[in-house]
Amino acid sequence: MSMQEISGYKSIALDIAQRIVSGEFPVQSKLSGRSLLAGQYHVSPETIRKAMGLLKDENIVFVSQGKEIIVISDQKAYEYITRNNYLKSVYSLKQDLEQLLLEKKKLDGKFERLLTGIIEASDRMKNLKPYHPEEITIHEESHVVGKTIGALQFWQNTGATIIALRRGANVTISPGPHVILRENDVLVAVGDEKMYQRTEQFINKNAENHL
Protein backbone atom coordinates (compact mmCIF):
# COMPACT_ATOMS: atom_id res chain seq x y z
CA MET A 1 0.00 0.00 0.00
CA SER A 2 1.35 3.42 -0.98
CA MET A 3 1.96 6.23 1.51
CA GLN A 4 -0.65 8.29 -0.37
CA GLU A 5 -3.33 5.62 0.23
CA ILE A 6 -2.43 5.36 3.92
CA SER A 7 -2.53 9.14 4.29
CA GLY A 8 -5.87 9.20 2.46
CA TYR A 9 -7.88 6.88 4.69
CA LYS A 10 -6.22 8.23 7.85
CA SER A 11 -7.23 11.76 6.87
CA ILE A 12 -10.80 10.60 6.27
CA ALA A 13 -10.89 8.79 9.63
CA LEU A 14 -9.67 11.96 11.35
CA ASP A 15 -12.20 14.06 9.50
CA ILE A 16 -15.11 11.82 10.46
CA ALA A 17 -13.87 11.86 14.07
CA GLN A 18 -13.82 15.67 13.92
CA ARG A 19 -17.39 15.69 12.59
CA ILE A 20 -18.44 13.41 15.45
CA VAL A 21 -16.85 15.77 18.01
CA SER A 22 -18.54 18.78 16.42
CA GLY A 23 -21.94 17.09 16.75
CA GLU A 24 -22.54 16.68 13.03
CA PHE A 25 -22.57 12.92 13.63
CA PRO A 26 -24.00 12.48 17.17
CA VAL A 27 -23.55 9.37 19.32
CA GLN A 28 -25.92 6.53 18.33
CA SER A 29 -26.42 8.03 14.88
CA LYS A 30 -25.87 5.86 11.83
CA LEU A 31 -23.30 6.93 9.30
CA SER A 32 -24.00 6.66 5.60
CA GLY A 33 -23.07 3.49 3.79
CA ARG A 34 -19.61 3.04 2.35
CA SER A 35 -20.65 3.92 -1.18
CA LEU A 36 -22.28 7.21 -0.12
CA LEU A 37 -19.34 8.17 2.08
CA ALA A 38 -17.04 7.34 -0.82
CA GLY A 39 -19.03 9.78 -2.95
CA GLN A 40 -18.65 12.54 -0.35
CA TYR A 41 -14.89 12.10 -0.09
CA HIS A 42 -14.40 11.14 -3.74
CA VAL A 43 -12.53 7.95 -2.87
CA SER A 44 -13.19 4.26 -3.35
CA PRO A 45 -15.43 2.27 -0.95
CA GLU A 46 -12.31 0.31 0.00
CA THR A 47 -10.66 3.49 1.30
CA ILE A 48 -13.78 4.22 3.36
CA ARG A 49 -13.73 0.65 4.72
CA LYS A 50 -10.15 1.18 5.92
CA ALA A 51 -11.06 4.51 7.51
CA MET A 52 -14.00 2.87 9.31
CA GLY A 53 -11.64 0.12 10.44
CA LEU A 54 -9.41 2.71 12.13
CA LEU A 55 -12.41 4.28 13.90
CA LYS A 56 -13.66 0.85 14.94
CA ASP A 57 -10.25 -0.02 16.41
CA GLU A 58 -10.40 3.23 18.39
CA ASN A 59 -13.91 2.32 19.72
CA ILE A 60 -15.36 5.41 18.05
CA VAL A 61 -17.79 3.54 15.81
CA PHE A 62 -19.36 0.09 15.75
CA VAL A 63 -19.56 -1.80 12.48
CA SER A 64 -22.16 -4.57 12.45
CA GLN A 65 -22.05 -7.75 10.41
CA GLY A 66 -24.47 -6.08 8.02
CA LYS A 67 -21.91 -3.28 7.57
CA GLU A 68 -24.07 -0.78 9.47
CA ILE A 69 -21.90 1.97 11.00
CA ILE A 70 -23.01 3.47 14.35
CA VAL A 71 -21.26 6.23 16.30
CA ILE A 72 -20.62 5.01 19.85
CA SER A 73 -18.26 7.55 21.46
CA ASP A 74 -17.59 11.23 20.92
CA GLN A 75 -15.08 11.17 23.80
CA LYS A 76 -12.97 8.55 22.02
CA ALA A 77 -13.24 10.63 18.85
CA TYR A 78 -11.94 13.68 20.73
CA GLU A 79 -9.03 11.67 22.18
CA TYR A 80 -8.23 10.35 18.72
CA ILE A 81 -8.03 13.73 17.01
CA THR A 82 -6.14 15.24 19.96
CA ARG A 83 -3.62 12.41 19.94
CA ASN A 84 -3.01 12.99 16.25
CA ASN A 85 -2.69 16.78 16.66
CA TYR A 86 -5.63 17.14 14.30
CA LEU A 87 -7.09 20.62 14.27
CA LYS A 88 -9.08 20.81 11.09
CA SER A 89 -9.47 18.37 8.24
CA VAL A 90 -8.84 18.85 4.58
CA TYR A 91 -12.49 18.02 3.99
CA SER A 92 -13.67 20.68 6.45
CA LEU A 93 -11.33 23.22 4.89
CA LYS A 94 -12.77 22.32 1.51
CA GLN A 95 -16.27 23.00 2.85
CA ASP A 96 -15.13 26.41 4.13
CA LEU A 97 -13.58 27.18 0.75
CA GLU A 98 -16.77 26.21 -1.07
CA GLN A 99 -18.77 28.52 1.23
CA LEU A 100 -16.38 31.41 0.59
CA LEU A 101 -16.58 30.82 -3.15
CA LEU A 102 -20.37 30.87 -2.93
CA GLU A 103 -20.30 34.17 -1.04
CA LYS A 104 -17.83 35.60 -3.57
CA LYS A 105 -20.14 34.57 -6.40
CA LYS A 106 -23.03 36.40 -4.73
CA LEU A 107 -20.90 39.55 -4.27
CA ASP A 108 -19.70 39.36 -7.88
CA GLY A 109 -23.32 39.12 -9.00
CA LYS A 110 -24.31 42.12 -6.89
CA PHE A 111 -21.41 44.16 -8.26
CA GLU A 112 -22.31 43.16 -11.82
CA ARG A 113 -25.93 44.25 -11.32
CA LEU A 114 -24.81 47.58 -9.86
CA LEU A 115 -22.40 48.17 -12.73
CA THR A 116 -25.08 47.27 -15.27
CA GLY A 117 -27.47 49.71 -13.58
CA ILE A 118 -24.91 52.52 -13.79
CA ILE A 119 -24.27 51.79 -17.48
CA GLU A 120 -27.98 51.65 -18.26
CA ALA A 121 -28.56 54.92 -16.41
CA SER A 122 -25.72 56.49 -18.34
CA ASP A 123 -27.17 55.22 -21.62
CA ARG A 124 -30.54 56.71 -20.76
CA MET A 125 -28.95 60.08 -19.99
CA LYS A 126 -27.09 60.02 -23.30
CA ASN A 127 -30.48 60.19 -24.98
CA LEU A 128 -31.44 63.28 -23.02
CA LYS A 129 -29.49 65.66 -25.23
CA PRO A 130 -27.87 68.05 -24.71
CA TYR A 131 -27.43 66.64 -21.19
CA HIS A 132 -25.35 63.60 -22.14
CA PRO A 133 -22.67 62.40 -19.70
CA GLU A 134 -19.01 62.98 -20.43
CA GLU A 135 -15.91 61.60 -18.68
CA ILE A 136 -13.05 63.93 -17.76
CA THR A 137 -9.81 62.59 -16.28
CA ILE A 138 -7.94 64.75 -13.76
CA HIS A 139 -4.27 65.05 -14.74
CA GLU A 140 -1.44 64.93 -12.22
CA GLU A 141 -0.56 68.62 -12.60
CA SER A 142 -4.15 69.85 -12.38
CA HIS A 143 -4.84 72.66 -9.92
CA VAL A 144 -7.97 70.81 -8.67
CA VAL A 145 -5.90 67.99 -7.10
CA GLY A 146 -6.26 68.14 -3.33
CA LYS A 147 -9.27 70.46 -3.42
CA THR A 148 -12.92 69.73 -2.70
CA ILE A 149 -15.66 69.91 -5.29
CA GLY A 150 -17.39 72.61 -3.25
CA ALA A 151 -14.29 74.80 -2.90
CA LEU A 152 -13.81 74.74 -6.68
CA GLN A 153 -17.34 76.11 -7.24
CA PHE A 154 -17.56 73.51 -9.95
CA TRP A 155 -20.97 74.27 -11.39
CA GLN A 156 -20.40 78.05 -11.34
CA ASN A 157 -17.11 77.67 -13.25
CA THR A 158 -18.11 75.03 -15.77
CA GLY A 159 -21.89 74.70 -15.91
CA ALA A 160 -21.33 70.97 -15.36
CA THR A 161 -23.08 68.77 -12.83
CA ILE A 162 -20.97 65.87 -11.52
CA ILE A 163 -23.09 62.72 -11.43
CA ALA A 164 -20.36 60.20 -10.60
CA LEU A 165 -16.69 59.90 -9.70
CA ARG A 166 -14.61 56.89 -10.68
CA ARG A 167 -11.46 56.27 -8.63
CA GLY A 168 -9.72 53.10 -9.70
CA ALA A 169 -12.27 50.30 -9.43
CA ASN A 170 -14.56 52.30 -7.13
CA VAL A 171 -17.47 54.38 -8.39
CA THR A 172 -19.20 57.04 -6.25
CA ILE A 173 -22.61 58.22 -7.43
CA SER A 174 -23.37 61.93 -6.94
CA PRO A 175 -20.21 62.80 -4.96
CA GLY A 176 -20.85 65.57 -2.43
CA PRO A 177 -19.16 68.98 -2.18
CA HIS A 178 -16.74 67.76 0.49
CA VAL A 179 -15.12 65.09 -1.72
CA ILE A 180 -11.42 65.85 -2.26
CA LEU A 181 -10.30 65.30 -5.85
CA ARG A 182 -7.17 63.30 -6.68
CA GLU A 183 -5.00 62.82 -9.74
CA ASN A 184 -6.36 60.23 -12.19
CA ASP A 185 -9.90 60.58 -10.81
CA VAL A 186 -12.45 60.36 -13.60
CA LEU A 187 -15.42 62.71 -13.30
CA VAL A 188 -18.68 61.84 -15.05
CA ALA A 189 -20.54 65.10 -15.69
CA VAL A 190 -23.57 66.35 -17.60
CA GLY A 191 -24.26 69.72 -19.13
CA ASP A 192 -24.85 71.48 -22.44
CA GLU A 193 -23.00 70.73 -25.67
CA LYS A 194 -20.00 72.89 -24.65
CA MET A 195 -19.78 71.49 -21.12
CA TYR A 196 -16.97 69.05 -21.88
CA GLN A 197 -14.70 71.69 -23.43
CA ARG A 198 -15.24 74.13 -20.53
CA THR A 199 -14.79 71.46 -17.89
CA GLU A 200 -11.70 69.91 -19.46
CA GLN A 201 -10.11 73.35 -19.73
CA PHE A 202 -11.05 74.27 -16.16
CA ILE A 203 -9.87 71.01 -14.60
CA ASN A 204 -6.63 70.48 -16.44
CA LYS A 205 -5.17 73.93 -16.26
CA ASN A 206 -1.67 73.70 -14.92
CA ALA A 207 -1.56 74.90 -11.31
CA GLU A 208 0.93 77.63 -12.13
CA ASN A 209 -1.16 78.86 -15.06
CA HIS A 210 -4.26 78.86 -12.89
CA LEU A 211 -2.51 81.11 -10.42
C-alpha atoms as a PDB file:
ATOM      1  CA  MET A   1       0.000   0.000   0.000  1.00  0.00           C
ATOM      2  CA  SER A   2       1.350   3.417  -0.984  1.00  0.00           C
ATOM      3  CA  MET A   3       1.964   6.233   1.506  1.00  0.00           C
ATOM      4  CA  GLN A   4      -0.653   8.291  -0.366  1.00  0.00           C
ATOM      5  CA  GLU A   5      -3.327   5.619   0.229  1.00  0.00           C
ATOM      6  CA  ILE A   6      -2.431   5.361   3.924  1.00  0.00           C
ATOM      7  CA  SER A   7      -2.534   9.137   4.293  1.00  0.00           C
ATOM      8  CA  GLY A   8      -5.868   9.200   2.456  1.00  0.00           C
ATOM      9  CA  TYR A   9      -7.877   6.880   4.694  1.00  0.00           C
ATOM     10  CA  LYS A  10      -6.217   8.227   7.852  1.00  0.00           C
ATOM     11  CA  SER A  11      -7.227  11.759   6.873  1.00  0.00           C
ATOM     12  CA  ILE A  12     -10.802  10.598   6.265  1.00  0.00           C
ATOM     13  CA  ALA A  13     -10.886   8.794   9.631  1.00  0.00           C
ATOM     14  CA  LEU A  14      -9.673  11.956  11.353  1.00  0.00           C
ATOM     15  CA  ASP A  15     -12.196  14.061   9.495  1.00  0.00           C
ATOM     16  CA  ILE A  16     -15.109  11.815  10.459  1.00  0.00           C
ATOM     17  CA  ALA A  17     -13.873  11.861  14.067  1.00  0.00           C
ATOM     18  CA  GLN A  18     -13.821  15.672  13.921  1.00  0.00           C
ATOM     19  CA  ARG A  19     -17.393  15.694  12.592  1.00  0.00           C
ATOM     20  CA  ILE A  20     -18.436  13.409  15.451  1.00  0.00           C
ATOM     21  CA  VAL A  21     -16.848  15.765  18.012  1.00  0.00           C
ATOM     22  CA  SER A  22     -18.542  18.782  16.416  1.00  0.00           C
ATOM     23  CA  GLY A  23     -21.942  17.087  16.748  1.00  0.00           C
ATOM     24  CA  GLU A  24     -22.543  16.676  13.033  1.00  0.00           C
ATOM     25  CA  PHE A  25     -22.571  12.919  13.631  1.00  0.00           C
ATOM     26  CA  PRO A  26     -23.996  12.476  17.170  1.00  0.00           C
ATOM     27  CA  VAL A  27     -23.554   9.371  19.317  1.00  0.00           C
ATOM     28  CA  GLN A  28     -25.917   6.531  18.329  1.00  0.00           C
ATOM     29  CA  SER A  29     -26.419   8.031  14.880  1.00  0.00           C
ATOM     30  CA  LYS A  30     -25.874   5.862  11.833  1.00  0.00           C
ATOM     31  CA  LEU A  31     -23.301   6.928   9.298  1.00  0.00           C
ATOM     32  CA  SER A  32     -23.999   6.661   5.602  1.00  0.00           C
ATOM     33  CA  GLY A  33     -23.069   3.490   3.793  1.00  0.00           C
ATOM     34  CA  ARG A  34     -19.609   3.037   2.352  1.00  0.00           C
ATOM     35  CA  SER A  35     -20.648   3.918  -1.183  1.00  0.00           C
ATOM     36  CA  LEU A  36     -22.277   7.214  -0.116  1.00  0.00           C
ATOM     37  CA  LEU A  37     -19.339   8.171   2.075  1.00  0.00           C
ATOM     38  CA  ALA A  38     -17.040   7.339  -0.824  1.00  0.00           C
ATOM     39  CA  GLY A  39     -19.025   9.780  -2.954  1.00  0.00           C
ATOM     40  CA  GLN A  40     -18.645  12.543  -0.348  1.00  0.00           C
ATOM     41  CA  TYR A  41     -14.895  12.101  -0.086  1.00  0.00           C
ATOM     42  CA  HIS A  42     -14.399  11.138  -3.744  1.00  0.00           C
ATOM     43  CA  VAL A  43     -12.532   7.954  -2.871  1.00  0.00           C
ATOM     44  CA  SER A  44     -13.188   4.258  -3.354  1.00  0.00           C
ATOM     45  CA  PRO A  45     -15.430   2.271  -0.946  1.00  0.00           C
ATOM     46  CA  GLU A  46     -12.313   0.313   0.004  1.00  0.00           C
ATOM     47  CA  THR A  47     -10.658   3.486   1.296  1.00  0.00           C
ATOM     48  CA  ILE A  48     -13.784   4.223   3.362  1.00  0.00           C
ATOM     49  CA  ARG A  49     -13.734   0.652   4.716  1.00  0.00           C
ATOM     50  CA  LYS A  50     -10.152   1.176   5.924  1.00  0.00           C
ATOM     51  CA  ALA A  51     -11.061   4.513   7.514  1.00  0.00           C
ATOM     52  CA  MET A  52     -14.002   2.871   9.312  1.00  0.00           C
ATOM     53  CA  GLY A  53     -11.636   0.124  10.436  1.00  0.00           C
ATOM     54  CA  LEU A  54      -9.413   2.707  12.130  1.00  0.00           C
ATOM     55  CA  LEU A  55     -12.407   4.279  13.895  1.00  0.00           C
ATOM     56  CA  LYS A  56     -13.662   0.847  14.939  1.00  0.00           C
ATOM     57  CA  ASP A  57     -10.254  -0.024  16.405  1.00  0.00           C
ATOM     58  CA  GLU A  58     -10.403   3.228  18.392  1.00  0.00           C
ATOM     59  CA  ASN A  59     -13.912   2.323  19.717  1.00  0.00           C
ATOM     60  CA  ILE A  60     -15.361   5.408  18.045  1.00  0.00           C
ATOM     61  CA  VAL A  61     -17.786   3.541  15.806  1.00  0.00           C
ATOM     62  CA  PHE A  62     -19.360   0.087  15.754  1.00  0.00           C
ATOM     63  CA  VAL A  63     -19.564  -1.797  12.476  1.00  0.00           C
ATOM     64  CA  SER A  64     -22.164  -4.573  12.453  1.00  0.00           C
ATOM     65  CA  GLN A  65     -22.047  -7.747  10.405  1.00  0.00           C
ATOM     66  CA  GLY A  66     -24.465  -6.081   8.022  1.00  0.00           C
ATOM     67  CA  LYS A  67     -21.908  -3.276   7.570  1.00  0.00           C
ATOM     68  CA  GLU A  68     -24.071  -0.776   9.473  1.00  0.00           C
ATOM     69  CA  ILE A  69     -21.899   1.972  10.996  1.00  0.00           C
ATOM     70  CA  ILE A  70     -23.008   3.466  14.346  1.00  0.00           C
ATOM     71  CA  VAL A  71     -21.261   6.232  16.301  1.00  0.00           C
ATOM     72  CA  ILE A  72     -20.619   5.012  19.851  1.00  0.00           C
ATOM     73  CA  SER A  73     -18.257   7.554  21.465  1.00  0.00           C
ATOM     74  CA  ASP A  74     -17.589  11.229  20.918  1.00  0.00           C
ATOM     75  CA  GLN A  75     -15.075  11.171  23.803  1.00  0.00           C
ATOM     76  CA  LYS A  76     -12.974   8.553  22.021  1.00  0.00           C
ATOM     77  CA  ALA A  77     -13.245  10.629  18.853  1.00  0.00           C
ATOM     78  CA  TYR A  78     -11.941  13.675  20.732  1.00  0.00           C
ATOM     79  CA  GLU A  79      -9.034  11.673  22.177  1.00  0.00           C
ATOM     80  CA  TYR A  80      -8.235  10.345  18.718  1.00  0.00           C
ATOM     81  CA  ILE A  81      -8.026  13.733  17.008  1.00  0.00           C
ATOM     82  CA  THR A  82      -6.139  15.235  19.962  1.00  0.00           C
ATOM     83  CA  ARG A  83      -3.616  12.410  19.941  1.00  0.00           C
ATOM     84  CA  ASN A  84      -3.011  12.990  16.252  1.00  0.00           C
ATOM     85  CA  ASN A  85      -2.688  16.780  16.655  1.00  0.00           C
ATOM     86  CA  TYR A  86      -5.634  17.141  14.301  1.00  0.00           C
ATOM     87  CA  LEU A  87      -7.089  20.624  14.275  1.00  0.00           C
ATOM     88  CA  LYS A  88      -9.079  20.807  11.090  1.00  0.00           C
ATOM     89  CA  SER A  89      -9.466  18.370   8.243  1.00  0.00           C
ATOM     90  CA  VAL A  90      -8.839  18.852   4.583  1.00  0.00           C
ATOM     91  CA  TYR A  91     -12.490  18.024   3.991  1.00  0.00           C
ATOM     92  CA  SER A  92     -13.666  20.680   6.454  1.00  0.00           C
ATOM     93  CA  LEU A  93     -11.333  23.225   4.885  1.00  0.00           C
ATOM     94  CA  LYS A  94     -12.774  22.317   1.508  1.00  0.00           C
ATOM     95  CA  GLN A  95     -16.272  23.001   2.852  1.00  0.00           C
ATOM     96  CA  ASP A  96     -15.129  26.413   4.132  1.00  0.00           C
ATOM     97  CA  LEU A  97     -13.584  27.182   0.752  1.00  0.00           C
ATOM     98  CA  GLU A  98     -16.775  26.215  -1.069  1.00  0.00           C
ATOM     99  CA  GLN A  99     -18.773  28.516   1.228  1.00  0.00           C
ATOM    100  CA  LEU A 100     -16.377  31.409   0.590  1.00  0.00           C
ATOM    101  CA  LEU A 101     -16.580  30.820  -3.153  1.00  0.00           C
ATOM    102  CA  LEU A 102     -20.370  30.866  -2.931  1.00  0.00           C
ATOM    103  CA  GLU A 103     -20.297  34.174  -1.038  1.00  0.00           C
ATOM    104  CA  LYS A 104     -17.830  35.602  -3.565  1.00  0.00           C
ATOM    105  CA  LYS A 105     -20.136  34.568  -6.401  1.00  0.00           C
ATOM    106  CA  LYS A 106     -23.028  36.402  -4.734  1.00  0.00           C
ATOM    107  CA  LEU A 107     -20.898  39.545  -4.269  1.00  0.00           C
ATOM    108  CA  ASP A 108     -19.695  39.359  -7.877  1.00  0.00           C
ATOM    109  CA  GLY A 109     -23.317  39.119  -9.003  1.00  0.00           C
ATOM    110  CA  LYS A 110     -24.312  42.118  -6.890  1.00  0.00           C
ATOM    111  CA  PHE A 111     -21.405  44.161  -8.256  1.00  0.00           C
ATOM    112  CA  GLU A 112     -22.315  43.155 -11.825  1.00  0.00           C
ATOM    113  CA  ARG A 113     -25.932  44.249 -11.322  1.00  0.00           C
ATOM    114  CA  LEU A 114     -24.812  47.584  -9.862  1.00  0.00           C
ATOM    115  CA  LEU A 115     -22.402  48.173 -12.727  1.00  0.00           C
ATOM    116  CA  THR A 116     -25.082  47.270 -15.266  1.00  0.00           C
ATOM    117  CA  GLY A 117     -27.467  49.713 -13.582  1.00  0.00           C
ATOM    118  CA  ILE A 118     -24.913  52.516 -13.794  1.00  0.00           C
ATOM    119  CA  ILE A 119     -24.267  51.792 -17.476  1.00  0.00           C
ATOM    120  CA  GLU A 120     -27.979  51.654 -18.260  1.00  0.00           C
ATOM    121  CA  ALA A 121     -28.561  54.920 -16.405  1.00  0.00           C
ATOM    122  CA  SER A 122     -25.718  56.491 -18.342  1.00  0.00           C
ATOM    123  CA  ASP A 123     -27.166  55.219 -21.619  1.00  0.00           C
ATOM    124  CA  ARG A 124     -30.538  56.712 -20.763  1.00  0.00           C
ATOM    125  CA  MET A 125     -28.948  60.077 -19.994  1.00  0.00           C
ATOM    126  CA  LYS A 126     -27.093  60.021 -23.305  1.00  0.00           C
ATOM    127  CA  ASN A 127     -30.477  60.188 -24.985  1.00  0.00           C
ATOM    128  CA  LEU A 128     -31.438  63.280 -23.015  1.00  0.00           C
ATOM    129  CA  LYS A 129     -29.490  65.663 -25.225  1.00  0.00           C
ATOM    130  CA  PRO A 130     -27.867  68.047 -24.710  1.00  0.00           C
ATOM    131  CA  TYR A 131     -27.431  66.645 -21.188  1.00  0.00           C
ATOM    132  CA  HIS A 132     -25.353  63.604 -22.143  1.00  0.00           C
ATOM    133  CA  PRO A 133     -22.672  62.401 -19.696  1.00  0.00           C
ATOM    134  CA  GLU A 134     -19.009  62.980 -20.428  1.00  0.00           C
ATOM    135  CA  GLU A 135     -15.912  61.597 -18.685  1.00  0.00           C
ATOM    136  CA  ILE A 136     -13.051  63.927 -17.763  1.00  0.00           C
ATOM    137  CA  THR A 137      -9.810  62.585 -16.276  1.00  0.00           C
ATOM    138  CA  ILE A 138      -7.942  64.748 -13.761  1.00  0.00           C
ATOM    139  CA  HIS A 139      -4.275  65.047 -14.736  1.00  0.00           C
ATOM    140  CA  GLU A 140      -1.437  64.930 -12.225  1.00  0.00           C
ATOM    141  CA  GLU A 141      -0.557  68.622 -12.603  1.00  0.00           C
ATOM    142  CA  SER A 142      -4.152  69.854 -12.382  1.00  0.00           C
ATOM    143  CA  HIS A 143      -4.843  72.657  -9.921  1.00  0.00           C
ATOM    144  CA  VAL A 144      -7.971  70.805  -8.670  1.00  0.00           C
ATOM    145  CA  VAL A 145      -5.903  67.993  -7.102  1.00  0.00           C
ATOM    146  CA  GLY A 146      -6.260  68.136  -3.326  1.00  0.00           C
ATOM    147  CA  LYS A 147      -9.273  70.459  -3.421  1.00  0.00           C
ATOM    148  CA  THR A 148     -12.917  69.733  -2.702  1.00  0.00           C
ATOM    149  CA  ILE A 149     -15.657  69.913  -5.289  1.00  0.00           C
ATOM    150  CA  GLY A 150     -17.388  72.608  -3.246  1.00  0.00           C
ATOM    151  CA  ALA A 151     -14.290  74.797  -2.898  1.00  0.00           C
ATOM    152  CA  LEU A 152     -13.812  74.742  -6.675  1.00  0.00           C
ATOM    153  CA  GLN A 153     -17.340  76.106  -7.240  1.00  0.00           C
ATOM    154  CA  PHE A 154     -17.555  73.513  -9.947  1.00  0.00           C
ATOM    155  CA  TRP A 155     -20.968  74.274 -11.394  1.00  0.00           C
ATOM    156  CA  GLN A 156     -20.396  78.046 -11.339  1.00  0.00           C
ATOM    157  CA  ASN A 157     -17.111  77.671 -13.248  1.00  0.00           C
ATOM    158  CA  THR A 158     -18.107  75.029 -15.772  1.00  0.00           C
ATOM    159  CA  GLY A 159     -21.891  74.701 -15.912  1.00  0.00           C
ATOM    160  CA  ALA A 160     -21.334  70.967 -15.364  1.00  0.00           C
ATOM    161  CA  THR A 161     -23.084  68.768 -12.830  1.00  0.00           C
ATOM    162  CA  ILE A 162     -20.966  65.867 -11.518  1.00  0.00           C
ATOM    163  CA  ILE A 163     -23.094  62.722 -11.433  1.00  0.00           C
ATOM    164  CA  ALA A 164     -20.356  60.199 -10.603  1.00  0.00           C
ATOM    165  CA  LEU A 165     -16.694  59.895  -9.696  1.00  0.00           C
ATOM    166  CA  ARG A 166     -14.606  56.891 -10.683  1.00  0.00           C
ATOM    167  CA  ARG A 167     -11.459  56.269  -8.634  1.00  0.00           C
ATOM    168  CA  GLY A 168      -9.719  53.103  -9.702  1.00  0.00           C
ATOM    169  CA  ALA A 169     -12.269  50.296  -9.429  1.00  0.00           C
ATOM    170  CA  ASN A 170     -14.562  52.304  -7.126  1.00  0.00           C
ATOM    171  CA  VAL A 171     -17.468  54.380  -8.389  1.00  0.00           C
ATOM    172  CA  THR A 172     -19.195  57.039  -6.255  1.00  0.00           C
ATOM    173  CA  ILE A 173     -22.606  58.221  -7.431  1.00  0.00           C
ATOM    174  CA  SER A 174     -23.369  61.930  -6.943  1.00  0.00           C
ATOM    175  CA  PRO A 175     -20.211  62.801  -4.955  1.00  0.00           C
ATOM    176  CA  GLY A 176     -20.854  65.571  -2.432  1.00  0.00           C
ATOM    177  CA  PRO A 177     -19.162  68.980  -2.183  1.00  0.00           C
ATOM    178  CA  HIS A 178     -16.736  67.756   0.489  1.00  0.00           C
ATOM    179  CA  VAL A 179     -15.117  65.087  -1.716  1.00  0.00           C
ATOM    180  CA  ILE A 180     -11.421  65.847  -2.264  1.00  0.00           C
ATOM    181  CA  LEU A 181     -10.295  65.296  -5.848  1.00  0.00           C
ATOM    182  CA  ARG A 182      -7.171  63.301  -6.678  1.00  0.00           C
ATOM    183  CA  GLU A 183      -5.004  62.824  -9.736  1.00  0.00           C
ATOM    184  CA  ASN A 184      -6.359  60.229 -12.185  1.00  0.00           C
ATOM    185  CA  ASP A 185      -9.897  60.579 -10.806  1.00  0.00           C
ATOM    186  CA  VAL A 186     -12.450  60.359 -13.596  1.00  0.00           C
ATOM    187  CA  LEU A 187     -15.424  62.706 -13.305  1.00  0.00           C
ATOM    188  CA  VAL A 188     -18.677  61.840 -15.052  1.00  0.00           C
ATOM    189  CA  ALA A 189     -20.540  65.099 -15.686  1.00  0.00           C
ATOM    190  CA  VAL A 190     -23.572  66.353 -17.599  1.00  0.00           C
ATOM    191  CA  GLY A 191     -24.263  69.717 -19.126  1.00  0.00           C
ATOM    192  CA  ASP A 192     -24.853  71.477 -22.436  1.00  0.00           C
ATOM    193  CA  GLU A 193     -23.002  70.733 -25.665  1.00  0.00           C
ATOM    194  CA  LYS A 194     -19.998  72.892 -24.653  1.00  0.00           C
ATOM    195  CA  MET A 195     -19.779  71.485 -21.123  1.00  0.00           C
ATOM    196  CA  TYR A 196     -16.965  69.048 -21.881  1.00  0.00           C
ATOM    197  CA  GLN A 197     -14.703  71.689 -23.425  1.00  0.00           C
ATOM    198  CA  ARG A 198     -15.243  74.128 -20.534  1.00  0.00           C
ATOM    199  CA  THR A 199     -14.788  71.459 -17.885  1.00  0.00           C
ATOM    200  CA  GLU A 200     -11.699  69.911 -19.456  1.00  0.00           C
ATOM    201  CA  GLN A 201     -10.114  73.349 -19.727  1.00  0.00           C
ATOM    202  CA  PHE A 202     -11.048  74.271 -16.157  1.00  0.00           C
ATOM    203  CA  ILE A 203      -9.866  71.011 -14.605  1.00  0.00           C
ATOM    204  CA  ASN A 204      -6.627  70.477 -16.435  1.00  0.00           C
ATOM    205  CA  LYS A 205      -5.173  73.926 -16.255  1.00  0.00           C
ATOM    206  CA  ASN A 206      -1.667  73.701 -14.922  1.00  0.00           C
ATOM    207  CA  ALA A 207      -1.556  74.901 -11.307  1.00  0.00           C
ATOM    208  CA  GLU A 208       0.932  77.628 -12.135  1.00  0.00           C
ATOM    209  CA  ASN A 209      -1.163  78.861 -15.056  1.00  0.00           C
ATOM    210  CA  HIS A 210      -4.258  78.864 -12.889  1.00  0.00           C
ATOM    211  CA  LEU A 211      -2.514  81.108 -10.415  1.00  0.00           C
END
